Amino acid sequence: MYKILVCDDEEKIRLLIKKYAEFEGHTVIEAENGMEAVKLFKEQVCDIVIMDVMMPELDGLSACRQIRKLSDVPILILSARGEEYDKISGFEF
């Protein structure tokens, strides 16, 4: 099974994703902001990253840029933003 890094500042969203992922047999590591996500990613090997865009301290897109410098791990981006620019900027990872 896979090790998944879930990064979202909303605890309820992290817990929901964790619940379903663990039900399917995956291991989940949680981060509540981009800084913590990058730190955890450096410490542990992850198979996939699920990243929120709008977070305090370090936003999700900046965290993705840092993670991408370290690995080509698949990254799923969560966002409430709907502008075309926002969607296109997510594809750079």
N, C-alpha and C. Protein backbone atom coordinates (compact mmCIF):
# COMPACT_ATOMS: atom_id res chain seq x y z
N MET A 1 0.83 -1.18 0.00
CA MET A 1 0.00 0.00 0.00
C MET A 1 0.88 1.25 0.00
N TYR A 2 0.25 2.41 -0.05
CA TYR A 2 0.97 3.66 -0.23
C TYR A 2 1.05 4.48 1.05
N LYS A 3 2.09 5.32 1.12
CA LYS A 3 2.21 6.30 2.19
C LYS A 3 1.81 7.65 1.58
N ILE A 4 0.80 8.28 2.16
CA ILE A 4 0.22 9.50 1.62
C ILE A 4 0.46 10.66 2.59
N LEU A 5 0.99 11.76 2.07
CA LEU A 5 1.13 12.98 2.85
C LEU A 5 -0.06 13.86 2.54
N VAL A 6 -0.87 14.15 3.56
CA VAL A 6 -2.05 14.99 3.42
C VAL A 6 -1.78 16.31 4.13
N CYS A 7 -1.86 17.41 3.38
CA CYS A 7 -1.59 18.72 3.94
C CYS A 7 -2.79 19.64 3.72
N ASP A 8 -3.41 20.03 4.82
CA ASP A 8 -4.55 20.94 4.78
C ASP A 8 -4.65 21.61 6.14
N ASP A 9 -4.97 22.90 6.16
CA ASP A 9 -5.09 23.59 7.44
C ASP A 9 -6.41 23.28 8.14
N GLU A 10 -7.34 22.66 7.44
CA GLU A 10 -8.62 22.25 8.03
C GLU A 10 -8.49 20.82 8.56
N GLU A 11 -8.55 20.68 9.87
CA GLU A 11 -8.39 19.37 10.49
C GLU A 11 -9.45 18.37 10.01
N LYS A 12 -10.68 18.83 9.84
CA LYS A 12 -11.76 17.93 9.41
C LYS A 12 -11.49 17.34 8.03
N ILE A 13 -10.92 18.12 7.14
CA ILE A 13 -10.60 17.61 5.80
C ILE A 13 -9.49 16.59 5.89
N ARG A 14 -8.44 16.88 6.68
CA ARG A 14 -7.36 15.91 6.86
C ARG A 14 -7.88 14.60 7.42
N LEU A 15 -8.73 14.69 8.43
CA LEU A 15 -9.26 13.48 9.06
C LEU A 15 -10.15 12.68 8.12
N LEU A 16 -10.92 13.36 7.30
CA LEU A 16 -11.78 12.67 6.34
C LEU A 16 -10.94 11.90 5.31
N ILE A 17 -9.93 12.57 4.76
CA ILE A 17 -9.06 11.90 3.78
C ILE A 17 -8.33 10.74 4.45
N LYS A 18 -7.84 10.97 5.67
CA LYS A 18 -7.12 9.92 6.40
C LYS A 18 -8.01 8.71 6.63
N LYS A 19 -9.25 8.96 7.04
CA LYS A 19 -10.18 7.87 7.33
C LYS A 19 -10.37 6.97 6.11
N TYR A 20 -10.64 7.57 4.97
CA TYR A 20 -10.87 6.78 3.75
C TYR A 20 -9.59 6.10 3.25
N ALA A 21 -8.46 6.81 3.34
CA ALA A 21 -7.20 6.22 2.88
C ALA A 21 -6.79 5.04 3.76
N GLU A 22 -6.93 5.19 5.06
CA GLU A 22 -6.57 4.09 5.96
C GLU A 22 -7.53 2.92 5.80
N PHE A 23 -8.80 3.20 5.52
CA PHE A 23 -9.76 2.13 5.26
C PHE A 23 -9.31 1.29 4.07
N GLU A 24 -8.68 1.93 3.09
CA GLU A 24 -8.18 1.23 1.91
C GLU A 24 -6.80 0.62 2.13
N GLY A 25 -6.25 0.77 3.33
CA GLY A 25 -4.99 0.14 3.68
C GLY A 25 -3.75 1.01 3.53
N HIS A 26 -3.93 2.30 3.28
CA HIS A 26 -2.79 3.20 3.10
C HIS A 26 -2.38 3.82 4.44
N THR A 27 -1.15 4.28 4.49
CA THR A 27 -0.63 5.00 5.65
C THR A 27 -0.72 6.49 5.35
N VAL A 28 -1.14 7.27 6.33
CA VAL A 28 -1.32 8.71 6.12
C VAL A 28 -0.47 9.50 7.10
N ILE A 29 0.23 10.48 6.57
CA ILE A 29 0.98 11.43 7.37
C ILE A 29 0.27 12.77 7.20
N GLU A 30 0.04 13.49 8.30
CA GLU A 30 -0.70 14.74 8.24
C GLU A 30 0.19 15.94 8.50
N ALA A 31 -0.08 17.03 7.74
CA ALA A 31 0.58 18.32 7.97
C ALA A 31 -0.51 19.38 7.93
N GLU A 32 -0.38 20.39 8.79
CA GLU A 32 -1.41 21.43 8.83
C GLU A 32 -1.02 22.70 8.10
N ASN A 33 0.19 22.75 7.55
CA ASN A 33 0.59 23.89 6.72
C ASN A 33 1.73 23.47 5.79
N GLY A 34 2.04 24.32 4.85
CA GLY A 34 3.05 23.98 3.85
C GLY A 34 4.44 23.76 4.43
N MET A 35 4.80 24.55 5.43
CA MET A 35 6.13 24.39 6.06
C MET A 35 6.26 22.99 6.67
N GLU A 36 5.24 22.57 7.38
CA GLU A 36 5.26 21.25 8.00
C GLU A 36 5.27 20.15 6.94
N ALA A 37 4.55 20.36 5.85
CA ALA A 37 4.50 19.36 4.78
C ALA A 37 5.88 19.15 4.17
N VAL A 38 6.59 20.23 3.87
CA VAL A 38 7.92 20.12 3.28
C VAL A 38 8.87 19.43 4.27
N LYS A 39 8.79 19.80 5.54
CA LYS A 39 9.63 19.18 6.56
C LYS A 39 9.37 17.67 6.64
N LEU A 40 8.09 17.28 6.70
CA LEU A 40 7.75 15.86 6.78
C LEU A 40 8.17 15.11 5.52
N PHE A 41 8.02 15.76 4.36
CA PHE A 41 8.39 15.11 3.11
C PHE A 41 9.89 14.83 3.07
N LYS A 42 10.68 15.74 3.61
CA LYS A 42 12.14 15.54 3.66
C LYS A 42 12.51 14.40 4.59
N GLU A 43 11.72 14.19 5.64
CA GLU A 43 12.02 13.18 6.65
C GLU A 43 11.54 11.78 6.27
N GLN A 44 10.47 11.69 5.48
CA GLN A 44 9.86 10.40 5.18
C GLN A 44 9.60 10.25 3.69
N VAL A 45 9.74 9.06 3.21
CA VAL A 45 9.43 8.78 1.81
C VAL A 45 7.91 8.66 1.66
N CYS A 46 7.34 9.45 0.77
CA CYS A 46 5.89 9.41 0.52
C CYS A 46 5.65 9.02 -0.94
N ASP A 47 4.56 8.32 -1.17
CA ASP A 47 4.22 7.88 -2.52
C ASP A 47 3.33 8.87 -3.25
N ILE A 48 2.60 9.68 -2.50
CA ILE A 48 1.71 10.69 -3.08
C ILE A 48 1.50 11.80 -2.07
N VAL A 49 1.26 13.01 -2.59
CA VAL A 49 0.99 14.17 -1.73
C VAL A 49 -0.37 14.74 -2.12
N ILE A 50 -1.20 15.01 -1.11
CA ILE A 50 -2.47 15.71 -1.33
C ILE A 50 -2.33 17.05 -0.61
N MET A 51 -2.38 18.14 -1.39
CA MET A 51 -2.02 19.46 -0.87
C MET A 51 -3.13 20.48 -1.08
N ASP A 52 -3.52 21.15 -0.01
CA ASP A 52 -4.42 22.29 -0.10
C ASP A 52 -3.63 23.49 -0.60
N VAL A 53 -4.28 24.42 -1.29
CA VAL A 53 -3.59 25.58 -1.83
C VAL A 53 -3.51 26.72 -0.82
N MET A 54 -4.63 27.07 -0.22
CA MET A 54 -4.68 28.23 0.66
C MET A 54 -4.45 27.82 2.10
N MET A 55 -3.23 28.11 2.59
CA MET A 55 -2.87 27.77 3.96
C MET A 55 -2.00 28.86 4.55
N PRO A 56 -1.94 28.94 5.89
CA PRO A 56 -1.05 29.91 6.52
C PRO A 56 0.40 29.46 6.45
N GLU A 57 1.28 30.37 6.77
CA GLU A 57 2.74 30.17 6.81
C GLU A 57 3.33 29.98 5.42
N LEU A 58 3.12 28.84 4.80
CA LEU A 58 3.60 28.58 3.45
C LEU A 58 2.44 28.00 2.66
N ASP A 59 2.03 28.70 1.60
CA ASP A 59 0.87 28.23 0.84
C ASP A 59 1.20 26.92 0.10
N GLY A 60 0.16 26.24 -0.35
CA GLY A 60 0.33 24.93 -0.97
C GLY A 60 1.14 24.95 -2.26
N LEU A 61 0.98 25.98 -3.08
CA LEU A 61 1.73 26.05 -4.33
C LEU A 61 3.23 26.21 -4.07
N SER A 62 3.57 27.03 -3.08
CA SER A 62 5.00 27.19 -2.72
C SER A 62 5.55 25.90 -2.14
N ALA A 63 4.76 25.22 -1.34
CA ALA A 63 5.19 23.93 -0.78
C ALA A 63 5.40 22.91 -1.90
N CYS A 64 4.51 22.91 -2.89
CA CYS A 64 4.65 22.00 -4.02
C CYS A 64 5.94 22.27 -4.79
N ARG A 65 6.26 23.55 -4.97
CA ARG A 65 7.52 23.90 -5.66
C ARG A 65 8.73 23.32 -4.92
N GLN A 66 8.72 23.42 -3.59
CA GLN A 66 9.83 22.88 -2.80
C GLN A 66 9.87 21.36 -2.86
N ILE A 67 8.73 20.73 -2.78
CA ILE A 67 8.68 19.26 -2.87
C ILE A 67 9.13 18.80 -4.25
N ARG A 68 8.72 19.51 -5.27
CA ARG A 68 9.07 19.13 -6.64
C ARG A 68 10.59 19.19 -6.87
N LYS A 69 11.30 20.06 -6.15
CA LYS A 69 12.76 20.13 -6.25
C LYS A 69 13.40 18.86 -5.70
N LEU A 70 12.70 18.17 -4.82
CA LEU A 70 13.23 16.97 -4.17
C LEU A 70 12.80 15.67 -4.85
N SER A 71 11.63 15.69 -5.50
CA SER A 71 11.05 14.44 -5.99
C SER A 71 10.02 14.71 -7.09
N ASP A 72 9.75 13.67 -7.86
CA ASP A 72 8.69 13.76 -8.87
C ASP A 72 7.44 12.99 -8.41
N VAL A 73 7.25 12.94 -7.10
CA VAL A 73 6.08 12.27 -6.51
C VAL A 73 4.80 12.90 -7.06
N PRO A 74 3.76 12.09 -7.30
CA PRO A 74 2.48 12.66 -7.74
C PRO A 74 1.90 13.59 -6.66
N ILE A 75 1.37 14.73 -7.10
CA ILE A 75 0.77 15.70 -6.19
C ILE A 75 -0.65 15.99 -6.65
N LEU A 76 -1.61 15.79 -5.74
CA LEU A 76 -3.00 16.18 -5.98
C LEU A 76 -3.23 17.50 -5.26
N ILE A 77 -3.78 18.47 -5.95
CA ILE A 77 -4.00 19.78 -5.36
C ILE A 77 -5.48 19.96 -5.03
N LEU A 78 -5.75 20.35 -3.77
CA LEU A 78 -7.11 20.68 -3.34
C LEU A 78 -7.24 22.19 -3.32
N SER A 79 -8.33 22.69 -3.89
CA SER A 79 -8.50 24.14 -3.90
C SER A 79 -9.96 24.52 -4.01
N ALA A 80 -10.31 25.59 -3.31
CA ALA A 80 -11.64 26.16 -3.44
C ALA A 80 -11.64 27.22 -4.52
N ARG A 81 -10.47 27.56 -5.00
CA ARG A 81 -10.35 28.56 -6.05
C ARG A 81 -10.85 27.99 -7.37
N GLY A 82 -11.51 28.84 -8.16
CA GLY A 82 -12.08 28.36 -9.41
C GLY A 82 -11.64 29.13 -10.64
N GLU A 83 -10.79 30.13 -10.44
CA GLU A 83 -10.34 30.93 -11.58
C GLU A 83 -9.44 30.09 -12.50
N GLU A 84 -9.51 30.38 -13.77
CA GLU A 84 -8.71 29.64 -14.74
C GLU A 84 -7.22 29.73 -14.43
N TYR A 85 -6.75 30.91 -14.03
CA TYR A 85 -5.34 31.10 -13.68
C TYR A 85 -4.93 30.14 -12.57
N ASP A 86 -5.78 30.01 -11.55
CA ASP A 86 -5.49 29.13 -10.43
C ASP A 86 -5.38 27.67 -10.87
N LYS A 87 -6.26 27.27 -11.76
CA LYS A 87 -6.23 25.89 -12.25
C LYS A 87 -4.97 25.64 -13.08
N ILE A 88 -4.62 26.59 -13.93
CA ILE A 88 -3.44 26.44 -14.78
C ILE A 88 -2.16 26.42 -13.94
N SER A 89 -2.08 27.24 -12.91
CA SER A 89 -0.86 27.28 -12.08
C SER A 89 -0.63 25.94 -11.39
N GLY A 90 -1.67 25.19 -11.11
CA GLY A 90 -1.52 23.88 -10.50
C GLY A 90 -0.87 22.86 -11.41
N PHE A 91 -0.96 23.07 -12.71
CA PHE A 91 -0.38 22.12 -13.65
C PHE A 91 1.13 22.22 -13.78
N GLU A 92 1.72 23.26 -13.21
CA GLU A 92 3.17 23.39 -13.33
C GLU A 92 3.92 22.37 -12.48
N PHE A 93 3.19 21.62 -11.66
CA PHE A 93 3.84 20.63 -10.81
C PHE A 93 3.69 19.27 -11.40
